[in-house]
């Protein structure tokens, strides 16, 4: 995942629910997670969370890749 990516999360408890988030910041190495992390803004709850940058595709799916201009 990288800044600008639109990601989709499907909670394991509800296969019909789809939650969309936007990767807004690369946080670098996160001590708590012991790996690279990103900050994600979730549209359903209007909150920011810290997520593992290299999460498995079963957890998050990138549905639209961000791109840099310039």
N, C-alpha and C. Protein backbone atom coordinates (compact mmCIF):
# COMPACT_ATOMS: atom_id res chain seq x y z
N UNK A 1 0.84 -1.17 0.00
CA UNK A 1 0.00 0.00 0.00
C UNK A 1 0.88 1.24 0.00
N UNK A 2 0.42 2.25 -0.72
CA UNK A 2 1.17 3.51 -0.75
C UNK A 2 0.19 4.67 -0.69
N UNK A 3 0.72 5.84 -0.38
CA UNK A 3 -0.12 7.04 -0.26
C UNK A 3 -0.92 7.24 -1.54
N UNK A 4 -2.21 7.48 -1.38
CA UNK A 4 -3.11 7.71 -2.50
C UNK A 4 -3.90 6.49 -2.91
N UNK A 5 -3.53 5.31 -2.40
CA UNK A 5 -4.27 4.09 -2.74
C UNK A 5 -5.64 4.08 -2.06
N UNK A 6 -6.65 3.69 -2.81
CA UNK A 6 -7.97 3.44 -2.26
C UNK A 6 -8.04 1.95 -1.97
N UNK A 7 -8.32 1.61 -0.70
CA UNK A 7 -8.32 0.20 -0.32
C UNK A 7 -9.70 -0.23 0.14
N UNK A 8 -9.93 -1.52 0.04
CA UNK A 8 -11.20 -2.12 0.44
C UNK A 8 -10.92 -3.14 1.53
N UNK A 9 -11.73 -3.10 2.57
CA UNK A 9 -11.62 -4.06 3.68
C UNK A 9 -12.97 -4.72 3.85
N UNK A 10 -12.97 -6.04 3.93
CA UNK A 10 -14.19 -6.78 4.19
C UNK A 10 -14.04 -7.46 5.54
N UNK A 11 -14.77 -6.99 6.57
CA UNK A 11 -14.64 -7.60 7.89
C UNK A 11 -14.98 -9.08 7.84
N UNK A 12 -14.20 -9.91 8.54
CA UNK A 12 -14.43 -11.36 8.50
C UNK A 12 -15.80 -11.75 9.04
N UNK A 13 -16.36 -10.94 9.92
CA UNK A 13 -17.64 -11.27 10.53
C UNK A 13 -18.83 -11.03 9.59
N UNK A 14 -18.62 -10.21 8.55
CA UNK A 14 -19.73 -9.86 7.66
C UNK A 14 -19.22 -9.77 6.22
N UNK A 15 -19.35 -10.85 5.48
CA UNK A 15 -18.86 -10.89 4.11
C UNK A 15 -19.59 -9.96 3.16
N UNK A 16 -20.75 -9.43 3.58
CA UNK A 16 -21.51 -8.53 2.72
C UNK A 16 -21.11 -7.07 2.90
N UNK A 17 -20.47 -6.75 4.01
CA UNK A 17 -20.07 -5.37 4.27
C UNK A 17 -18.72 -5.09 3.62
N UNK A 18 -18.61 -3.95 2.97
CA UNK A 18 -17.35 -3.51 2.37
C UNK A 18 -17.04 -2.13 2.92
N UNK A 19 -15.83 -1.95 3.40
CA UNK A 19 -15.40 -0.67 3.96
C UNK A 19 -14.28 -0.12 3.09
N UNK A 20 -14.38 1.16 2.73
CA UNK A 20 -13.36 1.80 1.90
C UNK A 20 -12.49 2.73 2.72
N UNK A 21 -11.20 2.73 2.41
CA UNK A 21 -10.26 3.61 3.09
C UNK A 21 -9.27 4.19 2.10
N UNK A 22 -8.67 5.31 2.48
CA UNK A 22 -7.69 5.98 1.65
C UNK A 22 -6.37 6.06 2.43
N UNK A 23 -5.29 5.57 1.83
CA UNK A 23 -3.97 5.66 2.46
C UNK A 23 -3.51 7.11 2.36
N UNK A 24 -3.36 7.77 3.51
CA UNK A 24 -3.05 9.19 3.51
C UNK A 24 -1.61 9.54 3.91
N UNK A 25 -0.91 8.58 4.55
CA UNK A 25 0.44 8.91 5.01
C UNK A 25 1.27 7.64 5.17
N UNK A 26 2.52 7.70 4.72
CA UNK A 26 3.46 6.61 4.96
C UNK A 26 4.15 6.92 6.28
N UNK A 27 3.99 6.05 7.26
CA UNK A 27 4.52 6.30 8.60
C UNK A 27 5.93 5.74 8.81
N UNK A 28 6.44 5.02 7.82
CA UNK A 28 7.75 4.41 8.00
C UNK A 28 7.66 3.25 8.98
N UNK A 29 8.75 2.99 9.71
CA UNK A 29 8.77 1.86 10.65
C UNK A 29 7.97 2.21 11.89
N UNK A 30 7.03 1.35 12.25
CA UNK A 30 6.20 1.54 13.43
C UNK A 30 6.71 0.59 14.52
N UNK A 31 7.12 1.15 15.65
CA UNK A 31 7.69 0.35 16.74
C UNK A 31 6.65 -0.62 17.31
N UNK A 32 5.42 -0.17 17.48
CA UNK A 32 4.37 -1.04 18.05
C UNK A 32 4.10 -2.25 17.17
N UNK A 33 4.04 -2.04 15.86
CA UNK A 33 3.76 -3.14 14.93
C UNK A 33 5.02 -3.91 14.54
N UNK A 34 6.18 -3.30 14.78
CA UNK A 34 7.47 -3.89 14.41
C UNK A 34 7.60 -4.11 12.90
N UNK A 35 7.01 -3.20 12.13
CA UNK A 35 7.13 -3.24 10.67
C UNK A 35 6.68 -1.92 10.07
N UNK A 36 6.79 -1.80 8.75
CA UNK A 36 6.39 -0.59 8.04
C UNK A 36 4.87 -0.40 8.16
N UNK A 37 4.44 0.86 8.28
CA UNK A 37 3.02 1.13 8.47
C UNK A 37 2.58 2.34 7.66
N UNK A 38 1.27 2.43 7.46
CA UNK A 38 0.65 3.58 6.80
C UNK A 38 -0.53 4.05 7.64
N UNK A 39 -0.92 5.31 7.41
CA UNK A 39 -2.12 5.83 8.05
C UNK A 39 -3.25 5.77 7.03
N UNK A 40 -4.41 5.25 7.45
CA UNK A 40 -5.56 5.08 6.57
C UNK A 40 -6.74 5.86 7.12
N UNK A 41 -7.42 6.60 6.24
CA UNK A 41 -8.68 7.27 6.60
C UNK A 41 -9.82 6.38 6.13
N UNK A 42 -10.72 5.99 7.05
CA UNK A 42 -11.85 5.11 6.74
C UNK A 42 -13.11 5.95 6.54
N UNK A 43 -13.73 5.81 5.37
CA UNK A 43 -14.89 6.62 5.01
C UNK A 43 -16.13 6.27 5.82
N UNK A 44 -16.28 5.03 6.24
CA UNK A 44 -17.49 4.64 6.96
C UNK A 44 -17.56 5.21 8.38
N UNK A 45 -16.40 5.33 9.03
CA UNK A 45 -16.38 5.77 10.42
C UNK A 45 -15.72 7.14 10.61
N UNK A 46 -15.18 7.70 9.55
CA UNK A 46 -14.51 9.00 9.60
C UNK A 46 -13.38 9.03 10.62
N UNK A 47 -12.60 7.94 10.68
CA UNK A 47 -11.45 7.90 11.59
C UNK A 47 -10.19 7.51 10.83
N UNK A 48 -9.04 7.79 11.45
CA UNK A 48 -7.74 7.41 10.93
C UNK A 48 -7.21 6.25 11.77
N UNK A 49 -6.59 5.27 11.11
CA UNK A 49 -5.97 4.16 11.83
C UNK A 49 -4.58 3.90 11.25
N UNK A 50 -3.76 3.22 12.02
CA UNK A 50 -2.44 2.80 11.57
C UNK A 50 -2.55 1.34 11.14
N UNK A 51 -2.11 1.05 9.92
CA UNK A 51 -2.21 -0.30 9.37
C UNK A 51 -0.85 -0.76 8.86
N UNK A 52 -0.66 -2.06 8.85
CA UNK A 52 0.57 -2.63 8.30
C UNK A 52 0.66 -2.34 6.80
N UNK A 53 1.79 -1.86 6.37
CA UNK A 53 1.96 -1.47 4.97
C UNK A 53 1.88 -2.66 4.02
N UNK A 54 2.39 -3.79 4.44
CA UNK A 54 2.43 -4.96 3.57
C UNK A 54 1.46 -6.03 4.05
N UNK A 55 0.22 -5.64 4.34
CA UNK A 55 -0.79 -6.60 4.79
C UNK A 55 -1.14 -7.56 3.67
N UNK A 56 -1.58 -8.73 4.05
CA UNK A 56 -1.92 -9.74 3.05
C UNK A 56 -3.15 -9.32 2.25
N UNK A 57 -3.24 -9.77 1.00
CA UNK A 57 -4.37 -9.40 0.14
C UNK A 57 -5.71 -9.90 0.68
N UNK A 58 -5.70 -10.87 1.60
CA UNK A 58 -6.95 -11.35 2.17
C UNK A 58 -7.56 -10.31 3.12
N UNK A 59 -6.73 -9.41 3.64
CA UNK A 59 -7.22 -8.41 4.59
C UNK A 59 -7.64 -7.14 3.86
N UNK A 60 -6.76 -6.61 3.04
CA UNK A 60 -7.04 -5.38 2.29
C UNK A 60 -6.81 -5.62 0.81
N UNK A 61 -7.65 -5.01 0.01
CA UNK A 61 -7.45 -5.08 -1.44
C UNK A 61 -7.32 -3.66 -1.98
N UNK A 62 -6.26 -3.40 -2.71
CA UNK A 62 -6.10 -2.09 -3.34
C UNK A 62 -7.01 -2.08 -4.56
N UNK A 63 -8.00 -1.18 -4.56
CA UNK A 63 -8.95 -1.15 -5.67
C UNK A 63 -8.66 -0.01 -6.64
N UNK A 64 -7.83 0.95 -6.20
CA UNK A 64 -7.41 2.02 -7.10
C UNK A 64 -6.08 2.55 -6.59
N UNK A 65 -5.06 2.44 -7.42
CA UNK A 65 -3.72 2.88 -7.01
C UNK A 65 -3.59 4.38 -7.15
N UNK A 66 -2.95 4.97 -6.13
CA UNK A 66 -2.64 6.40 -6.19
C UNK A 66 -1.49 6.63 -7.12
N UNK A 67 -1.36 7.83 -7.62
CA UNK A 67 -0.21 8.16 -8.48
C UNK A 67 0.25 9.56 -8.16
N UNK A 68 1.51 9.76 -8.33
CA UNK A 68 2.09 11.08 -8.07
C UNK A 68 2.08 11.91 -9.33
N UNK A 69 1.77 13.18 -9.15
CA UNK A 69 1.79 14.10 -10.28
C UNK A 69 3.10 14.87 -10.27
N UNK A 70 3.59 15.18 -11.43
CA UNK A 70 4.77 16.02 -11.50
C UNK A 70 5.94 15.31 -11.83
